[in-house]
PDB file of N, CA and C in Angstrom:
ATOM      1  N   MET A   1       0.907  -1.306   0.109  1.00  0.00           N
ATOM      2  CA  MET A   1      -0.006  -0.247  -0.071  1.00  0.00           C
ATOM      3  C   MET A   1       0.913   1.375   0.003  1.00  0.00           C
ATOM      4  N   LYS A   2       0.597   2.114  -0.818  1.00  0.00           N
ATOM      5  CA  LYS A   2       1.419   3.311  -0.604  1.00  0.00           C
ATOM      6  C   LYS A   2       1.134   4.303   0.387  1.00  0.00           C
ATOM      7  N   ALA A   3       2.332   5.216   0.782  1.00  0.00           N
ATOM      8  CA  ALA A   3       2.281   6.020   1.745  1.00  0.00           C
ATOM      9  C   ALA A   3       1.106   6.938   1.738  1.00  0.00           C
ATOM     10  N   SER A   4       0.711   7.525   0.641  1.00  0.00           N
ATOM     11  CA  SER A   4      -0.443   8.255   0.628  1.00  0.00           C
ATOM     12  C   SER A   4      -1.709   7.675   0.984  1.00  0.00           C
ATOM     13  N   ASP A   5      -1.862   6.401   0.716  1.00  0.00           N
ATOM     14  CA  ASP A   5      -3.260   5.709   0.824  1.00  0.00           C
ATOM     15  C   ASP A   5      -3.271   5.400   2.446  1.00  0.00           C
ATOM     16  N   VAL A   6      -1.838   5.093   3.152  1.00  0.00           N
ATOM     17  CA  VAL A   6      -2.093   4.809   4.581  1.00  0.00           C
ATOM     18  C   VAL A   6      -2.329   6.059   5.274  1.00  0.00           C
ATOM     19  N   SER A   7      -1.971   6.992   4.709  1.00  0.00           N
ATOM     20  CA  SER A   7      -2.215   8.487   5.282  1.00  0.00           C
ATOM     21  C   SER A   7      -3.538   8.785   5.300  1.00  0.00           C
ATOM     22  N   ARG A   8      -4.135   8.631   4.218  1.00  0.00           N
ATOM     23  CA  ARG A   8      -5.519   9.029   4.006  1.00  0.00           C
ATOM     24  C   ARG A   8      -6.478   7.970   4.774  1.00  0.00           C
ATOM     25  N   ILE A   9      -5.813   6.631   4.908  1.00  0.00           N
ATOM     26  CA  ILE A   9      -6.765   5.786   5.937  1.00  0.00           C
ATOM     27  C   ILE A   9      -6.836   6.597   7.345  1.00  0.00           C
ATOM     28  N   ILE A  10      -5.504   6.728   7.714  1.00  0.00           N
ATOM     29  CA  ILE A  10      -5.467   7.171   8.973  1.00  0.00           C
ATOM     30  C   ILE A  10      -6.408   8.488   9.306  1.00  0.00           C
ATOM     31  N   GLU A  11      -6.161   9.162   8.286  1.00  0.00           N
ATOM     32  CA  GLU A  11      -6.900  10.663   8.408  1.00  0.00           C
ATOM     33  C   GLU A  11      -8.466  10.339   8.400  1.00  0.00           C
ATOM     34  N   MET A  12      -9.029   9.364   7.533  1.00  0.00           N
ATOM     35  CA  MET A  12     -10.631   8.999   7.622  1.00  0.00           C
ATOM     36  C   MET A  12     -10.951   8.114   8.953  1.00  0.00           C
ATOM     37  N   ALA A  13      -9.849   7.500   9.433  1.00  0.00           N
ATOM     38  CA  ALA A  13     -10.050   6.831  10.755  1.00  0.00           C
ATOM     39  C   ALA A  13     -10.275   7.658  12.114  1.00  0.00           C
ATOM     40  N   TRP A  14      -9.556   9.092  11.495  1.00  0.00           N
ATOM     41  CA  TRP A  14      -9.817   9.881  13.167  1.00  0.00           C
ATOM     42  C   TRP A  14     -10.848  10.869  12.687  1.00  0.00           C
ATOM     43  N   GLU A  15     -11.565  10.783  11.334  1.00  0.00           N
ATOM     44  CA  GLU A  15     -12.546  11.789  11.193  1.00  0.00           C
ATOM     45  C   GLU A  15     -13.808  11.074  12.128  1.00  0.00           C
ATOM     46  N   ASP A  16     -14.516  11.784  12.735  1.00  0.00           N
ATOM     47  CA  ASP A  16     -15.922  11.282  13.761  1.00  0.00           C
ATOM     48  C   ASP A  16     -16.947  10.556  12.488  1.00  0.00           C
ATOM     49  N   ARG A  17     -17.260  11.498  11.530  1.00  0.00           N
ATOM     50  CA  ARG A  17     -18.007  11.337  10.708  1.00  0.00           C
ATOM     51  C   ARG A  17     -17.951  10.078   9.524  1.00  0.00           C
ATOM     52  N   THR A  18     -16.591   9.661   9.191  1.00  0.00           N
ATOM     53  CA  THR A  18     -16.386   8.943   8.357  1.00  0.00           C
ATOM     54  C   THR A  18     -16.636   7.361   9.004  1.00  0.00           C
ATOM     55  N   PRO A  19     -17.359   6.680   8.536  1.00  0.00           N
ATOM     56  CA  PRO A  19     -17.500   5.292   9.009  1.00  0.00           C
ATOM     57  C   PRO A  19     -16.461   4.021   8.695  1.00  0.00           C
ATOM     58  N   PHE A  20     -16.284   3.328   9.322  1.00  0.00           N
ATOM     59  CA  PHE A  20     -15.531   2.100   8.600  1.00  0.00           C
ATOM     60  C   PHE A  20     -15.854   1.579   7.524  1.00  0.00           C
ATOM     61  N   GLU A  21     -17.175   1.526   7.164  1.00  0.00           N
ATOM     62  CA  GLU A  21     -17.653   0.997   5.843  1.00  0.00           C
ATOM     63  C   GLU A  21     -17.203   1.804   4.631  1.00  0.00           C
ATOM     64  N   ALA A  22     -17.083   3.121   5.012  1.00  0.00           N
ATOM     65  CA  ALA A  22     -16.389   3.902   3.777  1.00  0.00           C
ATOM     66  C   ALA A  22     -14.895   3.423   3.513  1.00  0.00           C
ATOM     67  N   ILE A  23     -14.232   3.465   4.641  1.00  0.00           N
ATOM     68  CA  ILE A  23     -12.700   3.074   4.496  1.00  0.00           C
ATOM     69  C   ILE A  23     -12.572   1.356   3.887  1.00  0.00           C
ATOM     70  N   GLU A  24     -13.535   0.856   4.088  1.00  0.00           N
ATOM     71  CA  GLU A  24     -13.608  -0.690   3.520  1.00  0.00           C
ATOM     72  C   GLU A  24     -14.084  -0.682   2.048  1.00  0.00           C
ATOM     73  N   THR A  25     -15.011   0.263   1.823  1.00  0.00           N
ATOM     74  CA  THR A  25     -15.584   0.564   0.160  1.00  0.00           C
ATOM     75  C   THR A  25     -14.224   1.031  -0.379  1.00  0.00           C
ATOM     76  N   LEU A  26     -13.525   2.146   0.080  1.00  0.00           N
ATOM     77  CA  LEU A  26     -12.432   2.725  -0.708  1.00  0.00           C
ATOM     78  C   LEU A  26     -11.146   1.909  -0.820  1.00  0.00           C
ATOM     79  N   TYR A  27     -10.988   1.273   0.298  1.00  0.00           N
ATOM     80  CA  TYR A  27      -9.708   0.544   0.496  1.00  0.00           C
ATOM     81  C   TYR A  27      -9.629  -1.019   0.796  1.00  0.00           C
ATOM     82  N   GLY A  28     -10.701  -1.525   1.007  1.00  0.00           N
ATOM     83  CA  GLY A  28     -10.968  -2.992   1.111  1.00  0.00           C
ATOM     84  C   GLY A  28     -10.456  -3.215   2.339  1.00  0.00           C
ATOM     85  N   LEU A  29     -10.097  -2.510   3.686  1.00  0.00           N
ATOM     86  CA  LEU A  29      -9.877  -2.877   4.939  1.00  0.00           C
ATOM     87  C   LEU A  29     -11.057  -2.765   5.905  1.00  0.00           C
ATOM     88  N   SER A  30     -11.256  -4.190   6.484  1.00  0.00           N
ATOM     89  CA  SER A  30     -12.039  -4.192   7.405  1.00  0.00           C
ATOM     90  C   SER A  30     -11.896  -3.267   8.682  1.00  0.00           C
ATOM     91  N   GLU A  31     -12.830  -3.184   9.721  1.00  0.00           N
ATOM     92  CA  GLU A  31     -12.557  -2.326  10.950  1.00  0.00           C
ATOM     93  C   GLU A  31     -11.218  -2.942  11.669  1.00  0.00           C
ATOM     94  N   GLN A  32     -11.281  -4.523  11.707  1.00  0.00           N
ATOM     95  CA  GLN A  32     -10.201  -5.024  12.281  1.00  0.00           C
ATOM     96  C   GLN A  32      -9.162  -4.741  11.768  1.00  0.00           C
ATOM     97  N   SER A  33      -9.050  -4.469  10.461  1.00  0.00           N
ATOM     98  CA  SER A  33      -7.737  -4.227   9.568  1.00  0.00           C
ATOM     99  C   SER A  33      -7.259  -2.924   9.863  1.00  0.00           C
ATOM    100  N   VAL A  34      -8.271  -2.080   9.655  1.00  0.00           N
ATOM    101  CA  VAL A  34      -7.978  -0.558  10.331  1.00  0.00           C
ATOM    102  C   VAL A  34      -7.486  -0.280  11.392  1.00  0.00           C
ATOM    103  N   ILE A  35      -7.948  -1.172  12.682  1.00  0.00           N
ATOM    104  CA  ILE A  35      -7.309  -1.213  13.903  1.00  0.00           C
ATOM    105  C   ILE A  35      -6.042  -1.584  13.924  1.00  0.00           C
ATOM    106  N   GLU A  36      -5.699  -2.304  13.228  1.00  0.00           N
ATOM    107  CA  GLU A  36      -4.499  -3.088  13.058  1.00  0.00           C
ATOM    108  C   GLU A  36      -3.263  -2.087  12.295  1.00  0.00           C
ATOM    109  N   LEU A  37      -3.797  -1.592  11.422  1.00  0.00           N
ATOM    110  CA  LEU A  37      -2.802  -0.479  10.600  1.00  0.00           C
ATOM    111  C   LEU A  37      -2.753   0.571  11.648  1.00  0.00           C
ATOM    112  N   MET A  38      -3.797   1.361  12.498  1.00  0.00           N
ATOM    113  CA  MET A  38      -3.724   2.264  13.383  1.00  0.00           C
ATOM    114  C   MET A  38      -2.672   1.748  14.369  1.00  0.00           C
ATOM    115  N   ARG A  39      -2.769   0.744  14.692  1.00  0.00           N
ATOM    116  CA  ARG A  39      -1.800   0.053  15.849  1.00  0.00           C
ATOM    117  C   ARG A  39      -0.477   0.143  15.504  1.00  0.00           C
ATOM    118  N   LYS A  40      -0.188  -0.144  14.240  1.00  0.00           N
ATOM    119  CA  LYS A  40       1.232  -0.334  13.423  1.00  0.00           C
ATOM    120  C   LYS A  40       1.543   0.970  13.342  1.00  0.00           C
ATOM    121  N   GLU A  41       0.944   1.770  13.059  1.00  0.00           N
ATOM    122  CA  GLU A  41       1.425   3.457  12.406  1.00  0.00           C
ATOM    123  C   GLU A  41       1.442   4.446  13.405  1.00  0.00           C
ATOM    124  N   LEU A  42       0.767   4.393  14.507  1.00  0.00           N
ATOM    125  CA  LEU A  42       0.575   5.499  15.424  1.00  0.00           C
ATOM    126  C   LEU A  42       1.639   5.344  16.655  1.00  0.00           C
ATOM    127  N   LYS A  43       1.907   6.407  17.234  1.00  0.00           N
ATOM    128  CA  LYS A  43       2.514   5.899  18.734  1.00  0.00           C
ATOM    129  C   LYS A  43       1.473   5.433  19.451  1.00  0.00           C
ATOM    130  N   PRO A  44       2.057   4.593  20.406  1.00  0.00           N
ATOM    131  CA  PRO A  44       1.146   3.629  21.356  1.00  0.00           C
ATOM    132  C   PRO A  44       0.372   4.646  22.034  1.00  0.00           C
ATOM    133  N   SER A  45       0.629   5.934  22.510  1.00  0.00           N
ATOM    134  CA  SER A  45      -0.120   6.830  23.279  1.00  0.00           C
ATOM    135  C   SER A  45      -1.261   7.440  22.230  1.00  0.00           C
ATOM    136  N   SER A  46      -1.165   7.605  20.955  1.00  0.00           N
ATOM    137  CA  SER A  46      -1.898   8.167  20.007  1.00  0.00           C
ATOM    138  C   SER A  46      -2.919   7.146  19.576  1.00  0.00           C
ATOM    139  N   PHE A  47      -2.468   5.909  19.580  1.00  0.00           N
ATOM    140  CA  PHE A  47      -3.581   4.691  19.230  1.00  0.00           C
ATOM    141  C   PHE A  47      -4.338   4.753  20.273  1.00  0.00           C
ATOM    142  N   ARG A  48      -3.806   4.629  21.397  1.00  0.00           N
ATOM    143  CA  ARG A  48      -4.997   4.380  22.798  1.00  0.00           C
ATOM    144  C   ARG A  48      -5.858   5.591  22.644  1.00  0.00           C
ATOM    145  N   LEU A  49      -5.465   6.947  22.581  1.00  0.00           N
ATOM    146  CA  LEU A  49      -6.348   8.160  22.318  1.00  0.00           C
ATOM    147  C   LEU A  49      -7.213   7.609  21.285  1.00  0.00           C
ATOM    148  N   TRP A  50      -6.832   7.241  20.115  1.00  0.00           N
ATOM    149  CA  TRP A  50      -7.782   6.930  19.102  1.00  0.00           C
ATOM    150  C   TRP A  50      -8.835   6.030  19.214  1.00  0.00           C
ATOM    151  N   ARG A  51      -8.534   5.105  19.904  1.00  0.00           N
ATOM    152  CA  ARG A  51      -9.315   3.793  20.270  1.00  0.00           C
ATOM    153  C   ARG A  51     -10.489   4.501  21.413  1.00  0.00           C
ATOM    154  N   LYS A  52      -9.915   5.039  22.212  1.00  0.00           N
ATOM    155  CA  LYS A  52     -10.943   5.650  23.097  1.00  0.00           C
ATOM    156  C   LYS A  52     -12.156   6.520  22.426  1.00  0.00           C
ATOM    157  N   ARG A  53     -11.672   7.220  21.642  1.00  0.00           N
ATOM    158  CA  ARG A  53     -12.333   8.114  20.775  1.00  0.00           C
ATOM    159  C   ARG A  53     -13.367   7.422  20.007  1.00  0.00           C
ATOM    160  N   VAL A  54     -12.885   6.362  19.285  1.00  0.00           N
ATOM    161  CA  VAL A  54     -13.922   5.848  18.307  1.00  0.00           C
ATOM    162  C   VAL A  54     -14.721   4.731  18.763  1.00  0.00           C
ATOM    163  N   SER A  55     -14.360   4.007  20.084  1.00  0.00           N
ATOM    164  CA  SER A  55     -14.893   2.885  20.695  1.00  0.00           C
ATOM    165  C   SER A  55     -16.516   3.552  20.985  1.00  0.00           C
ATOM    166  N   GLY A  56     -17.466   2.707  20.758  1.00  0.00           N
ATOM    167  CA  GLY A  56     -18.685   3.300  20.876  1.00  0.00           C
ATOM    168  C   GLY A  56     -19.300   4.218  20.420  1.00  0.00           C
ATOM    169  N   ARG A  57     -18.509   4.890  19.324  1.00  0.00           N
ATOM    170  CA  ARG A  57     -19.077   6.338  18.564  1.00  0.00           C
ATOM    171  C   ARG A  57     -19.866   5.592  17.604  1.00  0.00           C
ATOM    172  N   LYS A  58     -21.213   6.180  17.415  1.00  0.00           N
ATOM    173  CA  LYS A  58     -22.305   5.970  16.644  1.00  0.00           C
ATOM    174  C   LYS A  58     -21.801   6.171  15.452  1.00  0.00           C
ATOM    175  N   THR A  59     -21.235   7.254  15.083  1.00  0.00           N
ATOM    176  CA  THR A  59     -20.975   7.828  13.589  1.00  0.00           C
ATOM    177  C   THR A  59     -19.952   6.862  12.800  1.00  0.00           C
ATOM    178  N   LYS A  60     -19.414   6.197  13.494  1.00  0.00           N
ATOM    179  CA  LYS A  60     -18.211   5.155  13.025  1.00  0.00           C
ATOM    180  C   LYS A  60     -18.782   4.197  12.251  1.00  0.00           C
ATOM    181  N   HIS A  61     -20.214   3.761  12.421  1.00  0.00           N
ATOM    182  CA  HIS A  61     -20.955   2.539  11.955  1.00  0.00           C
ATOM    183  C   HIS A  61     -22.036   2.917  11.374  1.00  0.00           C
ATOM    184  N   LEU A  62     -22.078   2.696  10.105  1.00  0.00           N
ATOM    185  CA  LEU A  62     -23.268   3.026   9.411  1.00  0.00           C
ATOM    186  C   LEU A  62     -24.920   2.544  10.194  1.00  0.00           C
ATOM    187  N   LYS A  63     -24.472   1.130  10.687  1.00  0.00           N
ATOM    188  CA  LYS A  63     -25.830   0.415  11.229  1.00  0.00           C
ATOM    189  C   LYS A  63     -26.425   1.551  12.613  1.00  0.00           C
ATOM    190  N   LEU A  64     -25.386   2.014  13.176  1.00  0.00           N
ATOM    191  CA  LEU A  64     -25.467   2.648  14.536  1.00  0.00           C
ATOM    192  C   LEU A  64     -25.934   4.051  14.220  1.00  0.00           C
ATOM    193  N   ARG A  65     -25.615   4.552  13.208  1.00  0.00           N
ATOM    194  CA  ARG A  65     -25.743   6.025  12.740  1.00  0.00           C
ATOM    195  C   ARG A  65     -27.221   6.570  12.727  1.00  0.00           C
ATOM    196  N   SER A  66     -27.337   7.886  13.292  1.00  0.00           N
ATOM    197  CA  SER A  66     -28.709   8.380  13.038  1.00  0.00           C
ATOM    198  C   SER A  66     -29.018   8.883  11.649  1.00  0.00           C
ATOM    199  N   PRO A  67     -30.373   8.668  11.230  1.00  0.00           N
ATOM    200  CA  PRO A  67     -30.425   9.101   9.846  1.00  0.00           C
ATOM    201  C   PRO A  67     -30.342  10.537   9.545  1.00  0.00           C
ATOM    202  N   GLU A  68     -30.093  11.255  10.518  1.00  0.00           N
ATOM    203  CA  GLU A  68     -29.817  12.802  10.288  1.00  0.00           C
ATOM    204  C   GLU A  68     -28.478  12.913   9.821  1.00  0.00           C
ATOM    205  N   VAL A  69     -27.641  12.110  10.089  1.00  0.00           N
ATOM    206  CA  VAL A  69     -26.319  11.960   9.466  1.00  0.00           C
ATOM    207  C   VAL A  69     -26.217  11.685   7.924  1.00  0.00           C
ATOM    208  N   GLU A  70     -26.107  12.659   7.190  1.00  0.00           N
ATOM    209  CA  GLU A  70     -26.345  12.195   5.684  1.00  0.00           C
ATOM    210  C   GLU A  70     -25.003  11.905   5.022  1.00  0.00           C
ATOM    211  N   ARG A  71     -23.891  12.496   5.594  1.00  0.00           N
ATOM    212  CA  ARG A  71     -22.771  12.778   4.814  1.00  0.00           C
ATOM    213  C   ARG A  71     -21.471  12.431   5.605  1.00  0.00           C
ATOM    214  N   GLY A  72     -20.279  11.986   5.097  1.00  0.00           N
ATOM    215  CA  GLY A  72     -19.244  11.438   6.074  1.00  0.00           C
ATOM    216  C   GLY A  72     -18.391  12.579   6.538  1.00  0.00           C
ATOM    217  N   TYR A  73     -18.720  13.903   6.050  1.00  0.00           N
ATOM    218  CA  TYR A  73     -17.593  14.856   6.379  1.00  0.00           C
ATOM    219  C   TYR A  73     -18.472  16.265   6.380  1.00  0.00           C
ATOM    220  N   CYS A  74     -17.863  17.260   6.939  1.00  0.00           N
ATOM    221  CA  CYS A  74     -18.320  18.615   7.422  1.00  0.00           C
ATOM    222  C   CYS A  74     -18.021  19.359   6.086  1.00  0.00           C
ATOM    223  N   PRO A  75     -18.886  20.100   5.542  1.00  0.00           N
ATOM    224  CA  PRO A  75     -18.756  20.899   4.113  1.00  0.00           C
ATOM    225  C   PRO A  75     -17.476  21.677   4.227  1.00  0.00           C
ATOM    226  N   THR A  76     -16.914  22.348   5.569  1.00  0.00           N
ATOM    227  CA  THR A  76     -15.866  22.955   5.647  1.00  0.00           C
ATOM    228  C   THR A  76     -14.610  22.477   5.815  1.00  0.00           C
ATOM    229  N   GLN A  77     -14.578  20.979   5.908  1.00  0.00           N
ATOM    230  CA  GLN A  77     -13.596  19.963   6.394  1.00  0.00           C
ATOM    231  C   GLN A  77     -12.480  20.341   5.311  1.00  0.00           C
ATOM    232  N   TYR A  78     -12.705  20.278   4.005  1.00  0.00           N
ATOM    233  CA  TYR A  78     -11.739  20.082   2.932  1.00  0.00           C
ATOM    234  C   TYR A  78     -11.579  21.711   2.592  1.00  0.00           C
ATOM    235  N   LYS A  79     -10.333  22.040   2.642  1.00  0.00           N
ATOM    236  CA  LYS A  79      -9.847  23.512   2.265  1.00  0.00           C
ATOM    237  C   LYS A  79      -9.876  23.912   0.829  1.00  0.00           C
ATOM    238  N   GLN A  80     -10.100  24.919   0.503  1.00  0.00           N
ATOM    239  CA  GLN A  80     -10.138  25.365  -1.072  1.00  0.00           C
ATOM    240  C   GLN A  80      -8.807  25.704  -1.456  1.00  0.00           C
ATOM    241  N   ARG A  81      -8.074  25.301  -2.470  1.00  0.00           N
ATOM    242  CA  ARG A  81      -6.928  25.834  -2.910  1.00  0.00           C
ATOM    243  C   ARG A  81      -6.804  26.688  -3.760  1.00  0.00           C
TER     244      ARG A  81
END
């Protein structure tokens, strides 16, 4: 996997509104594979912080998500160049 893909997967995993299913659709990585990638790529303290953040977060799983959440990102998230 390219370094740019790994970087994007990490970014998507940190985003609150990006579900694991979106990562699986784009990169073919299951939730468990994303967890393993994050464990490998992040510092131990950063990994623990991330796991604490995403554990139980309803927006990280499409089935648990409120129907009011219609998109995976905030409109102001991506800056214009």
